[in-house]
PDB file of N, CA and C in Angstrom:
ATOM      1  N   UNK A   1       0.820  -1.205   0.000  1.00  0.00           N
ATOM      2  CA  UNK A   1       0.000   0.000   0.000  1.00  0.00           C
ATOM      3  C   UNK A   1       0.856   1.258   0.000  1.00  0.00           C
ATOM      4  N   UNK A   2       1.940   1.258   0.804  1.00  0.00           N
ATOM      5  CA  UNK A   2       2.784   2.441   0.849  1.00  0.00           C
ATOM      6  C   UNK A   2       3.500   2.674  -0.480  1.00  0.00           C
ATOM      7  N   UNK A   3       3.958   1.594  -1.108  1.00  0.00           N
ATOM      8  CA  UNK A   3       4.663   1.726  -2.370  1.00  0.00           C
ATOM      9  C   UNK A   3       3.749   2.293  -3.456  1.00  0.00           C
ATOM     10  N   UNK A   4       2.523   1.828  -3.515  1.00  0.00           N
ATOM     11  CA  UNK A   4       1.602   2.349  -4.527  1.00  0.00           C
ATOM     12  C   UNK A   4       1.267   3.815  -4.267  1.00  0.00           C
ATOM     13  N   UNK A   5       1.167   4.203  -3.007  1.00  0.00           N
ATOM     14  CA  UNK A   5       0.918   5.612  -2.681  1.00  0.00           C
ATOM     15  C   UNK A   5       2.104   6.475  -3.079  1.00  0.00           C
ATOM     16  N   UNK A   6       3.305   5.978  -2.814  1.00  0.00           N
ATOM     17  CA  UNK A   6       4.505   6.733  -3.178  1.00  0.00           C
ATOM     18  C   UNK A   6       4.597   6.877  -4.697  1.00  0.00           C
ATOM     19  N   UNK A   7       4.323   5.799  -5.413  1.00  0.00           N
ATOM     20  CA  UNK A   7       4.370   5.857  -6.876  1.00  0.00           C
ATOM     21  C   UNK A   7       3.283   6.773  -7.418  1.00  0.00           C
ATOM     22  N   UNK A   8       2.082   6.680  -6.863  1.00  0.00           N
ATOM     23  CA  UNK A   8       0.980   7.519  -7.333  1.00  0.00           C
ATOM     24  C   UNK A   8       1.212   8.993  -7.014  1.00  0.00           C
ATOM     25  N   UNK A   9       2.029   9.281  -6.030  1.00  0.00           N
ATOM     26  CA  UNK A   9       2.335  10.673  -5.698  1.00  0.00           C
ATOM     27  C   UNK A   9       3.597  11.168  -6.392  1.00  0.00           C
ATOM     28  N   UNK A  10       4.607  10.303  -6.469  1.00  0.00           N
ATOM     29  CA  UNK A  10       5.901  10.731  -6.981  1.00  0.00           C
ATOM     30  C   UNK A  10       5.919  10.875  -8.502  1.00  0.00           C
ATOM     31  N   UNK A  11       5.321   9.947  -9.231  1.00  0.00           N
ATOM     32  CA  UNK A  11       5.388  10.000 -10.689  1.00  0.00           C
ATOM     33  C   UNK A  11       4.693  11.221 -11.295  1.00  0.00           C
ATOM     34  N   UNK A  12       3.494  11.615 -10.828  1.00  0.00           N
ATOM     35  CA  UNK A  12       2.918  12.845 -11.381  1.00  0.00           C
ATOM     36  C   UNK A  12       3.737  14.093 -11.055  1.00  0.00           C
ATOM     37  N   UNK A  13       4.328  14.128  -9.867  1.00  0.00           N
ATOM     38  CA  UNK A  13       5.184  15.269  -9.520  1.00  0.00           C
ATOM     39  C   UNK A  13       6.412  15.276 -10.419  1.00  0.00           C
ATOM     40  N   UNK A  14       6.972  14.109 -10.680  1.00  0.00           N
ATOM     41  CA  UNK A  14       8.118  14.019 -11.572  1.00  0.00           C
ATOM     42  C   UNK A  14       7.739  14.442 -12.994  1.00  0.00           C
ATOM     43  N   UNK A  15       6.577  13.991 -13.471  1.00  0.00           N
ATOM     44  CA  UNK A  15       6.131  14.372 -14.820  1.00  0.00           C
ATOM     45  C   UNK A  15       5.868  15.870 -14.906  1.00  0.00           C
ATOM     46  N   UNK A  16       5.218  16.436 -13.904  1.00  0.00           N
ATOM     47  CA  UNK A  16       4.971  17.871 -13.899  1.00  0.00           C
ATOM     48  C   UNK A  16       6.254  18.675 -13.844  1.00  0.00           C
ATOM     49  N   UNK A  17       7.207  18.204 -13.038  1.00  0.00           N
ATOM     50  CA  UNK A  17       8.498  18.886 -12.951  1.00  0.00           C
ATOM     51  C   UNK A  17       9.244  18.817 -14.276  1.00  0.00           C
ATOM     52  N   UNK A  18       9.105  17.693 -14.966  1.00  0.00           N
ATOM     53  CA  UNK A  18       9.741  17.557 -16.271  1.00  0.00           C
ATOM     54  C   UNK A  18       9.168  18.572 -17.262  1.00  0.00           C
ATOM     55  N   UNK A  19       7.855  18.760 -17.254  1.00  0.00           N
ATOM     56  CA  UNK A  19       7.258  19.751 -18.150  1.00  0.00           C
ATOM     57  C   UNK A  19       7.668  21.179 -17.764  1.00  0.00           C
ATOM     58  N   UNK A  20       7.783  21.467 -16.473  1.00  0.00           N
ATOM     59  CA  UNK A  20       8.267  22.782 -16.056  1.00  0.00           C
ATOM     60  C   UNK A  20       9.716  22.986 -16.517  1.00  0.00           C
ATOM     61  N   UNK A  21      10.526  21.939 -16.424  1.00  0.00           N
ATOM     62  CA  UNK A  21      11.905  22.016 -16.888  1.00  0.00           C
ATOM     63  C   UNK A  21      11.956  22.240 -18.399  1.00  0.00           C
ATOM     64  N   UNK A  22      11.087  21.550 -19.143  1.00  0.00           N
ATOM     65  CA  UNK A  22      11.049  21.740 -20.590  1.00  0.00           C
ATOM     66  C   UNK A  22      10.640  23.172 -20.933  1.00  0.00           C
ATOM     67  N   UNK A  23       9.696  23.741 -20.185  1.00  0.00           N
ATOM     68  CA  UNK A  23       9.303  25.133 -20.413  1.00  0.00           C
ATOM     69  C   UNK A  23      10.478  26.069 -20.142  1.00  0.00           C
ATOM     70  N   UNK A  24      11.236  25.778 -19.090  1.00  0.00           N
ATOM     71  CA  UNK A  24      12.413  26.588 -18.771  1.00  0.00           C
ATOM     72  C   UNK A  24      13.454  26.485 -19.879  1.00  0.00           C
ATOM     73  N   UNK A  25      13.689  25.284 -20.391  1.00  0.00           N
ATOM     74  CA  UNK A  25      14.652  25.091 -21.471  1.00  0.00           C
ATOM     75  C   UNK A  25      14.220  25.813 -22.741  1.00  0.00           C
ATOM     76  N   UNK A  26      12.923  25.745 -23.061  1.00  0.00           N
ATOM     77  CA  UNK A  26      12.425  26.451 -24.244  1.00  0.00           C
ATOM     78  C   UNK A  26      12.629  27.953 -24.071  1.00  0.00           C
ATOM     79  N   UNK A  27      12.398  28.436 -22.867  1.00  0.00           N
ATOM     80  CA  UNK A  27      12.594  29.865 -22.613  1.00  0.00           C
ATOM     81  C   UNK A  27      14.066  30.258 -22.762  1.00  0.00           C
ATOM     82  N   UNK A  28      14.969  29.399 -22.309  1.00  0.00           N
ATOM     83  CA  UNK A  28      16.399  29.693 -22.437  1.00  0.00           C
ATOM     84  C   UNK A  28      16.863  29.629 -23.888  1.00  0.00           C
ATOM     85  N   UNK A  29      16.357  28.682 -24.644  1.00  0.00           N
ATOM     86  CA  UNK A  29      16.773  28.499 -26.033  1.00  0.00           C
ATOM     87  C   UNK A  29      16.113  29.522 -26.941  1.00  0.00           C
ATOM     88  N   UNK A  30      14.995  30.084 -26.526  1.00  0.00           N
ATOM     89  CA  UNK A  30      14.239  30.969 -27.417  1.00  0.00           C
ATOM     90  C   UNK A  30      15.030  32.180 -27.876  1.00  0.00           C
ATOM     91  N   UNK A  31      15.991  32.594 -27.082  1.00  0.00           N
ATOM     92  CA  UNK A  31      16.804  33.738 -27.498  1.00  0.00           C
ATOM     93  C   UNK A  31      17.550  33.435 -28.792  1.00  0.00           C
ATOM     94  N   UNK A  32      18.009  32.206 -28.906  1.00  0.00           N
ATOM     95  CA  UNK A  32      18.816  31.838 -30.063  1.00  0.00           C
ATOM     96  C   UNK A  32      17.967  31.352 -31.241  1.00  0.00           C
ATOM     97  N   UNK A  33      16.865  30.664 -30.948  1.00  0.00           N
ATOM     98  CA  UNK A  33      16.074  30.053 -32.003  1.00  0.00           C
ATOM     99  C   UNK A  33      14.934  30.937 -32.491  1.00  0.00           C
ATOM    100  N   UNK A  34      14.634  32.023 -31.818  1.00  0.00           N
ATOM    101  CA  UNK A  34      13.491  32.846 -32.208  1.00  0.00           C
ATOM    102  C   UNK A  34      13.699  33.512 -33.562  1.00  0.00           C
ATOM    103  N   UNK A  35      14.937  33.697 -33.958  1.00  0.00           N
ATOM    104  CA  UNK A  35      15.178  34.271 -35.277  1.00  0.00           C
ATOM    105  C   UNK A  35      14.716  33.319 -36.372  1.00  0.00           C
ATOM    106  N   UNK A  36      14.804  32.026 -36.099  1.00  0.00           N
ATOM    107  CA  UNK A  36      14.421  31.040 -37.092  1.00  0.00           C
ATOM    108  C   UNK A  36      12.908  30.787 -37.105  1.00  0.00           C
ATOM    109  N   UNK A  37      12.313  30.640 -35.926  1.00  0.00           N
ATOM    110  CA  UNK A  37      10.912  30.235 -35.824  1.00  0.00           C
ATOM    111  C   UNK A  37       9.964  31.350 -35.416  1.00  0.00           C
ATOM    112  N   UNK A  38      10.456  32.409 -34.861  1.00  0.00           N
ATOM    113  CA  UNK A  38       9.600  33.489 -34.388  1.00  0.00           C
ATOM    114  C   UNK A  38       9.441  33.432 -32.885  1.00  0.00           C
ATOM    115  N   UNK A  39       9.429  34.590 -32.262  1.00  0.00           N
ATOM    116  CA  UNK A  39       9.383  34.672 -30.798  1.00  0.00           C
ATOM    117  C   UNK A  39       8.046  34.232 -30.241  1.00  0.00           C
ATOM    118  N   UNK A  40       6.959  34.539 -30.941  1.00  0.00           N
ATOM    119  CA  UNK A  40       5.621  34.196 -30.449  1.00  0.00           C
ATOM    120  C   UNK A  40       5.455  32.685 -30.346  1.00  0.00           C
ATOM    121  N   UNK A  41       5.979  31.948 -31.299  1.00  0.00           N
ATOM    122  CA  UNK A  41       5.852  30.487 -31.286  1.00  0.00           C
ATOM    123  C   UNK A  41       6.537  29.902 -30.058  1.00  0.00           C
ATOM    124  N   UNK A  42       7.707  30.414 -29.694  1.00  0.00           N
ATOM    125  CA  UNK A  42       8.397  29.886 -28.532  1.00  0.00           C
ATOM    126  C   UNK A  42       7.685  30.251 -27.239  1.00  0.00           C
ATOM    127  N   UNK A  43       7.070  31.405 -27.161  1.00  0.00           N
ATOM    128  CA  UNK A  43       6.300  31.763 -25.970  1.00  0.00           C
ATOM    129  C   UNK A  43       5.108  30.830 -25.812  1.00  0.00           C
ATOM    130  N   UNK A  44       4.468  30.479 -26.923  1.00  0.00           N
ATOM    131  CA  UNK A  44       3.317  29.574 -26.860  1.00  0.00           C
ATOM    132  C   UNK A  44       3.746  28.168 -26.468  1.00  0.00           C
ATOM    133  N   UNK A  45       4.883  27.716 -26.960  1.00  0.00           N
ATOM    134  CA  UNK A  45       5.379  26.394 -26.585  1.00  0.00           C
ATOM    135  C   UNK A  45       5.687  26.364 -25.091  1.00  0.00           C
ATOM    136  N   UNK A  46       6.313  27.385 -24.590  1.00  0.00           N
ATOM    137  CA  UNK A  46       6.630  27.465 -23.166  1.00  0.00           C
ATOM    138  C   UNK A  46       5.354  27.460 -22.333  1.00  0.00           C
ATOM    139  N   UNK A  47       4.348  28.213 -22.777  1.00  0.00           N
ATOM    140  CA  UNK A  47       3.069  28.251 -22.059  1.00  0.00           C
ATOM    141  C   UNK A  47       2.392  26.883 -22.062  1.00  0.00           C
ATOM    142  N   UNK A  48       2.462  26.157 -23.177  1.00  0.00           N
ATOM    143  CA  UNK A  48       1.863  24.821 -23.248  1.00  0.00           C
ATOM    144  C   UNK A  48       2.550  23.869 -22.279  1.00  0.00           C
ATOM    145  N   UNK A  49       3.872  23.923 -22.193  1.00  0.00           N
ATOM    146  CA  UNK A  49       4.579  23.058 -21.250  1.00  0.00           C
ATOM    147  C   UNK A  49       4.217  23.407 -19.809  1.00  0.00           C
ATOM    148  N   UNK A  50       4.047  24.678 -19.510  1.00  0.00           N
ATOM    149  CA  UNK A  50       3.649  25.083 -18.154  1.00  0.00           C
ATOM    150  C   UNK A  50       2.242  24.563 -17.842  1.00  0.00           C
ATOM    151  N   UNK A  51       1.332  24.632 -18.812  1.00  0.00           N
ATOM    152  CA  UNK A  51      -0.028  24.122 -18.581  1.00  0.00           C
ATOM    153  C   UNK A  51      -0.021  22.620 -18.316  1.00  0.00           C
ATOM    154  N   UNK A  52       0.759  21.859 -19.096  1.00  0.00           N
ATOM    155  CA  UNK A  52       0.853  20.423 -18.842  1.00  0.00           C
ATOM    156  C   UNK A  52       1.507  20.143 -17.497  1.00  0.00           C
ATOM    157  N   UNK A  53       2.484  20.945 -17.109  1.00  0.00           N
ATOM    158  CA  UNK A  53       3.110  20.781 -15.801  1.00  0.00           C
ATOM    159  C   UNK A  53       2.124  20.976 -14.665  1.00  0.00           C
ATOM    160  N   UNK A  54       1.285  21.997 -14.781  1.00  0.00           N
ATOM    161  CA  UNK A  54       0.247  22.237 -13.765  1.00  0.00           C
ATOM    162  C   UNK A  54      -0.726  21.068 -13.724  1.00  0.00           C
ATOM    163  N   UNK A  55      -1.106  20.573 -14.890  1.00  0.00           N
ATOM    164  CA  UNK A  55      -2.050  19.459 -14.950  1.00  0.00           C
ATOM    165  C   UNK A  55      -1.483  18.219 -14.258  1.00  0.00           C
ATOM    166  N   UNK A  56      -0.247  17.878 -14.536  1.00  0.00           N
ATOM    167  CA  UNK A  56       0.328  16.666 -13.954  1.00  0.00           C
ATOM    168  C   UNK A  56       0.676  16.830 -12.482  1.00  0.00           C
ATOM    169  N   UNK A  57       1.147  17.999 -12.093  1.00  0.00           N
ATOM    170  CA  UNK A  57       1.618  18.166 -10.718  1.00  0.00           C
ATOM    171  C   UNK A  57       0.452  18.238  -9.719  1.00  0.00           C
ATOM    172  N   UNK A  58      -0.750  18.535 -10.190  1.00  0.00           N
ATOM    173  CA  UNK A  58      -1.896  18.567  -9.282  1.00  0.00           C
ATOM    174  C   UNK A  58      -2.527  17.196  -9.056  1.00  0.00           C
ATOM    175  N   UNK A  59      -2.050  16.167  -9.717  1.00  0.00           N
ATOM    176  CA  UNK A  59      -2.595  14.818  -9.547  1.00  0.00           C
ATOM    177  C   UNK A  59      -2.468  14.292  -8.116  1.00  0.00           C
ATOM    178  N   UNK A  60      -1.344  14.467  -7.426  1.00  0.00           N
ATOM    179  CA  UNK A  60      -1.243  13.938  -6.060  1.00  0.00           C
ATOM    180  C   UNK A  60      -2.225  14.572  -5.084  1.00  0.00           C
ATOM    181  N   UNK A  61      -2.756  15.741  -5.392  1.00  0.00           N
ATOM    182  CA  UNK A  61      -3.752  16.343  -4.495  1.00  0.00           C
ATOM    183  C   UNK A  61      -4.965  15.434  -4.325  1.00  0.00           C
ATOM    184  N   UNK A  62      -5.296  14.679  -5.358  1.00  0.00           N
ATOM    185  CA  UNK A  62      -6.430  13.769  -5.253  1.00  0.00           C
ATOM    186  C   UNK A  62      -6.185  12.701  -4.198  1.00  0.00           C
ATOM    187  N   UNK A  63      -4.942  12.269  -4.044  1.00  0.00           N
ATOM    188  CA  UNK A  63      -4.621  11.239  -3.054  1.00  0.00           C
ATOM    189  C   UNK A  63      -4.458  11.807  -1.663  1.00  0.00           C
ATOM    190  N   UNK A  64      -4.011  13.030  -1.560  1.00  0.00           N
ATOM    191  CA  UNK A  64      -3.680  13.614  -0.266  1.00  0.00           C
ATOM    192  C   UNK A  64      -4.907  14.173   0.451  1.00  0.00           C
ATOM    193  N   UNK A  65      -5.875  14.704  -0.288  1.00  0.00           N
ATOM    194  CA  UNK A  65      -6.954  15.473   0.328  1.00  0.00           C
ATOM    195  C   UNK A  65      -7.943  14.684   1.172  1.00  0.00           C
ATOM    196  N   UNK A  66      -7.967  13.380   1.020  1.00  0.00           N
ATOM    197  CA  UNK A  66      -8.786  12.621   1.938  1.00  0.00           C
ATOM    198  C   UNK A  66     -10.052  12.038   1.381  1.00  0.00           C
ATOM    199  N   UNK A  67     -11.156  12.101   2.159  1.00  0.00           N
ATOM    200  CA  UNK A  67     -12.358  11.366   1.796  1.00  0.00           C
ATOM    201  C   UNK A  67     -13.093  11.920   0.571  1.00  0.00           C
ATOM    202  N   UNK A  68     -14.199  11.306   0.287  1.00  0.00           N
ATOM    203  CA  UNK A  68     -14.926  11.361  -0.975  1.00  0.00           C
ATOM    204  C   UNK A  68     -15.048  12.688  -1.709  1.00  0.00           C
ATOM    205  N   UNK A  69     -15.615  13.733  -1.220  1.00  0.00           N
ATOM    206  CA  UNK A  69     -15.905  14.830  -2.158  1.00  0.00           C
ATOM    207  C   UNK A  69     -14.677  15.583  -2.659  1.00  0.00           C
ATOM    208  N   UNK A  70     -13.641  15.729  -1.840  1.00  0.00           N
ATOM    209  CA  UNK A  70     -12.508  16.547  -2.255  1.00  0.00           C
ATOM    210  C   UNK A  70     -11.709  15.973  -3.427  1.00  0.00           C
ATOM    211  N   UNK A  71     -11.360  14.679  -3.442  1.00  0.00           N
ATOM    212  CA  UNK A  71     -10.652  14.161  -4.623  1.00  0.00           C
ATOM    213  C   UNK A  71     -11.474  14.282  -5.900  1.00  0.00           C
ATOM    214  N   UNK A  72     -12.770  14.122  -5.793  1.00  0.00           N
ATOM    215  CA  UNK A  72     -13.633  14.248  -6.965  1.00  0.00           C
ATOM    216  C   UNK A  72     -13.652  15.685  -7.480  1.00  0.00           C
ATOM    217  N   UNK A  73     -13.650  16.634  -6.576  1.00  0.00           N
ATOM    218  CA  UNK A  73     -13.633  18.048  -6.968  1.00  0.00           C
ATOM    219  C   UNK A  73     -12.323  18.385  -7.669  1.00  0.00           C
ATOM    220  N   UNK A  74     -11.204  17.908  -7.112  1.00  0.00           N
ATOM    221  CA  UNK A  74      -9.903  18.153  -7.732  1.00  0.00           C
ATOM    222  C   UNK A  74      -9.835  17.484  -9.102  1.00  0.00           C
ATOM    223  N   UNK A  75     -10.332  16.261  -9.197  1.00  0.00           N
ATOM    224  CA  UNK A  75     -10.318  15.564 -10.478  1.00  0.00           C
ATOM    225  C   UNK A  75     -11.160  16.302 -11.513  1.00  0.00           C
ATOM    226  N   UNK A  76     -12.317  16.776 -11.123  1.00  0.00           N
ATOM    227  CA  UNK A  76     -13.173  17.521 -12.057  1.00  0.00           C
ATOM    228  C   UNK A  76     -12.508  18.830 -12.483  1.00  0.00           C
ATOM    229  N   UNK A  77     -11.839  19.508 -11.570  1.00  0.00           N
ATOM    230  CA  UNK A  77     -11.146  20.749 -11.912  1.00  0.00           C
ATOM    231  C   UNK A  77      -9.985  20.478 -12.865  1.00  0.00           C
ATOM    232  N   UNK A  78      -9.253  19.383 -12.623  1.00  0.00           N
ATOM    233  CA  UNK A  78      -8.148  19.032 -13.517  1.00  0.00           C
ATOM    234  C   UNK A  78      -8.661  18.683 -14.908  1.00  0.00           C
ATOM    235  N   UNK A  79      -9.730  17.905 -14.973  1.00  0.00           N
ATOM    236  CA  UNK A  79     -10.271  17.519 -16.283  1.00  0.00           C
ATOM    237  C   UNK A  79     -10.860  18.723 -17.013  1.00  0.00           C
ATOM    238  N   UNK A  80     -11.493  19.631 -16.274  1.00  0.00           N
ATOM    239  CA  UNK A  80     -11.997  20.848 -16.892  1.00  0.00           C
ATOM    240  C   UNK A  80     -10.842  21.667 -17.458  1.00  0.00           C
ATOM    241  N   UNK A  81      -9.756  21.782 -16.699  1.00  0.00           N
ATOM    242  CA  UNK A  81      -8.578  22.501 -17.163  1.00  0.00           C
ATOM    243  C   UNK A  81      -8.015  21.863 -18.428  1.00  0.00           C
ATOM    244  N   UNK A  82      -7.988  20.518 -18.452  1.00  0.00           N
ATOM    245  CA  UNK A  82      -7.481  19.810 -19.625  1.00  0.00           C
ATOM    246  C   UNK A  82      -8.380  20.032 -20.833  1.00  0.00           C
ATOM    247  N   UNK A  83      -9.703  19.912 -20.641  1.00  0.00           N
ATOM    248  CA  UNK A  83     -10.633  19.984 -21.768  1.00  0.00           C
ATOM    249  C   UNK A  83     -10.981  21.403 -22.180  1.00  0.00           C
ATOM    250  N   UNK A  84     -10.949  22.343 -21.252  1.00  0.00           N
ATOM    251  CA  UNK A  84     -11.372  23.704 -21.577  1.00  0.00           C
ATOM    252  C   UNK A  84     -10.209  24.635 -21.892  1.00  0.00           C
ATOM    253  N   UNK A  85      -9.011  24.299 -21.446  1.00  0.00           N
ATOM    254  CA  UNK A  85      -7.881  25.204 -21.678  1.00  0.00           C
ATOM    255  C   UNK A  85      -6.819  24.550 -22.559  1.00  0.00           C
ATOM    256  N   UNK A  86      -6.334  23.388 -22.157  1.00  0.00           N
ATOM    257  CA  UNK A  86      -5.219  22.776 -22.863  1.00  0.00           C
ATOM    258  C   UNK A  86      -5.624  22.258 -24.234  1.00  0.00           C
ATOM    259  N   UNK A  87      -6.683  21.471 -24.311  1.00  0.00           N
ATOM    260  CA  UNK A  87      -7.081  20.868 -25.598  1.00  0.00           C
ATOM    261  C   UNK A  87      -7.439  21.915 -26.654  1.00  0.00           C
ATOM    262  N   UNK A  88      -8.249  22.933 -26.345  1.00  0.00           N
ATOM    263  CA  UNK A  88      -8.504  23.944 -27.376  1.00  0.00           C
ATOM    264  C   UNK A  88      -7.248  24.708 -27.786  1.00  0.00           C
ATOM    265  N   UNK A  89      -6.345  24.929 -26.851  1.00  0.00           N
ATOM    266  CA  UNK A  89      -5.097  25.613 -27.197  1.00  0.00           C
ATOM    267  C   UNK A  89      -4.292  24.788 -28.197  1.00  0.00           C
ATOM    268  N   UNK A  90      -4.239  23.486 -27.964  1.00  0.00           N
ATOM    269  CA  UNK A  90      -3.516  22.610 -28.886  1.00  0.00           C
ATOM    270  C   UNK A  90      -4.222  22.562 -30.239  1.00  0.00           C
ATOM    271  N   UNK A  91      -5.550  22.499 -30.222  1.00  0.00           N
ATOM    272  CA  UNK A  91      -6.302  22.467 -31.474  1.00  0.00           C
ATOM    273  C   UNK A  91      -6.092  23.737 -32.288  1.00  0.00           C
ATOM    274  N   UNK A  92      -6.133  24.887 -31.638  1.00  0.00           N
ATOM    275  CA  UNK A  92      -5.894  26.148 -32.340  1.00  0.00           C
ATOM    276  C   UNK A  92      -4.461  26.190 -32.863  1.00  0.00           C
ATOM    277  N   UNK A  93      -3.523  25.690 -32.082  1.00  0.00           N
ATOM    278  CA  UNK A  93      -2.132  25.666 -32.539  1.00  0.00           C
ATOM    279  C   UNK A  93      -1.968  24.776 -33.758  1.00  0.00           C
ATOM    280  N   UNK A  94      -2.669  23.645 -33.784  1.00  0.00           N
ATOM    281  CA  UNK A  94      -2.588  22.757 -34.942  1.00  0.00           C
ATOM    282  C   UNK A  94      -3.196  23.424 -36.170  1.00  0.00           C
ATOM    283  N   UNK A  95      -4.320  24.093 -35.993  1.00  0.00           N
ATOM    284  CA  UNK A  95      -4.957  24.751 -37.133  1.00  0.00           C
ATOM    285  C   UNK A  95      -4.122  25.902 -37.685  1.00  0.00           C
ATOM    286  N   UNK A  96      -3.358  26.561 -36.828  1.00  0.00           N
ATOM    287  CA  UNK A  96      -2.567  27.701 -37.268  1.00  0.00           C
ATOM    288  C   UNK A  96      -1.112  27.352 -37.537  1.00  0.00           C
ATOM    289  N   UNK A  97      -0.799  26.068 -37.515  1.00  0.00           N
ATOM    290  CA  UNK A  97       0.580  25.661 -37.754  1.00  0.00           C
ATOM    291  C   UNK A  97       0.895  25.809 -39.235  1.00  0.00           C
ATOM    292  N   UNK A  98       1.919  26.563 -39.483  1.00  0.00           N
ATOM    293  CA  UNK A  98       2.402  26.743 -40.848  1.00  0.00           C
ATOM    294  C   UNK A  98       3.883  26.424 -40.819  1.00  0.00           C
ATOM    295  N   UNK A  99       4.306  25.439 -41.595  1.00  0.00           N
ATOM    296  CA  UNK A  99       5.729  25.118 -41.570  1.00  0.00           C
ATOM    297  C   UNK A  99       6.557  26.270 -42.128  1.00  0.00           C
ATOM    298  N   UNK A 100       7.742  26.394 -41.596  1.00  0.00           N
ATOM    299  CA  UNK A 100       8.642  27.446 -42.059  1.00  0.00           C
ATOM    300  C   UNK A 100       9.038  27.157 -43.510  1.00  0.00           C
ATOM    301  N   UNK A 101       9.269  28.180 -44.276  1.00  0.00           N
ATOM    302  CA  UNK A 101       9.647  27.968 -45.671  1.00  0.00           C
ATOM    303  C   UNK A 101      10.918  27.139 -45.761  1.00  0.00           C
ATOM    304  N   UNK A 102      10.864  26.145 -46.614  1.00  0.00           N
ATOM    305  CA  UNK A 102      12.026  25.282 -46.797  1.00  0.00           C
ATOM    306  C   UNK A 102      12.104  24.130 -45.821  1.00  0.00           C
ATOM    307  N   UNK A 103      11.172  24.040 -44.843  1.00  0.00           N
ATOM    308  CA  UNK A 103      11.249  22.956 -43.879  1.00  0.00           C
ATOM    309  C   UNK A 103      10.485  21.726 -44.326  1.00  0.00           C
ATOM    310  N   UNK A 104       9.551  21.891 -45.257  1.00  0.00           N
ATOM    311  CA  UNK A 104       8.792  20.759 -45.753  1.00  0.00           C
ATOM    312  C   UNK A 104       9.634  19.978 -46.761  1.00  0.00           C
ATOM    313  N   UNK A 105       9.533  18.646 -46.730  1.00  0.00           N
ATOM    314  CA  UNK A 105      10.324  17.867 -47.691  1.00  0.00           C
ATOM    315  C   UNK A 105       9.800  18.062 -49.112  1.00  0.00           C
ATOM    316  N   UNK A 106      10.695  18.090 -50.025  1.00  0.00           N
ATOM    317  CA  UNK A 106      10.313  18.262 -51.436  1.00  0.00           C
ATOM    318  C   UNK A 106      10.093  16.887 -52.044  1.00  0.00           C
ATOM    319  N   UNK A 107       8.954  16.692 -52.645  1.00  0.00           N
ATOM    320  CA  UNK A 107       8.622  15.432 -53.312  1.00  0.00           C
ATOM    321  C   UNK A 107       8.654  15.658 -54.818  1.00  0.00           C
ATOM    322  N   UNK A 108       9.770  15.352 -55.410  1.00  0.00           N
ATOM    323  CA  UNK A 108       9.899  15.529 -56.863  1.00  0.00           C
ATOM    324  C   UNK A 108       9.915  14.199 -57.548  1.00  0.00           C
TER     325      UNK A 108
END
């Protein structure tokens, strides 16, 4: 029981921390790569990683908060955040994705 609790708490925190680290790395690299891809694109990528980090890092709250209503409330808030904020952001990003000139493979 203790091992499963530790795994259920530690892995989401690790995943969320990884996404926060990726957002930090994108922010550090953006100074050099923004000339190629554009500054706005890197800000959006960093924001997406931060949103996923928040989503994953709040998972252990469901285990910690205790009896019935509180874990359900946290789960509903997390799923609402995923479906109302993250998913539409990704969908809009996919619709507005335009490859940089010369990056698409040439099929001759």
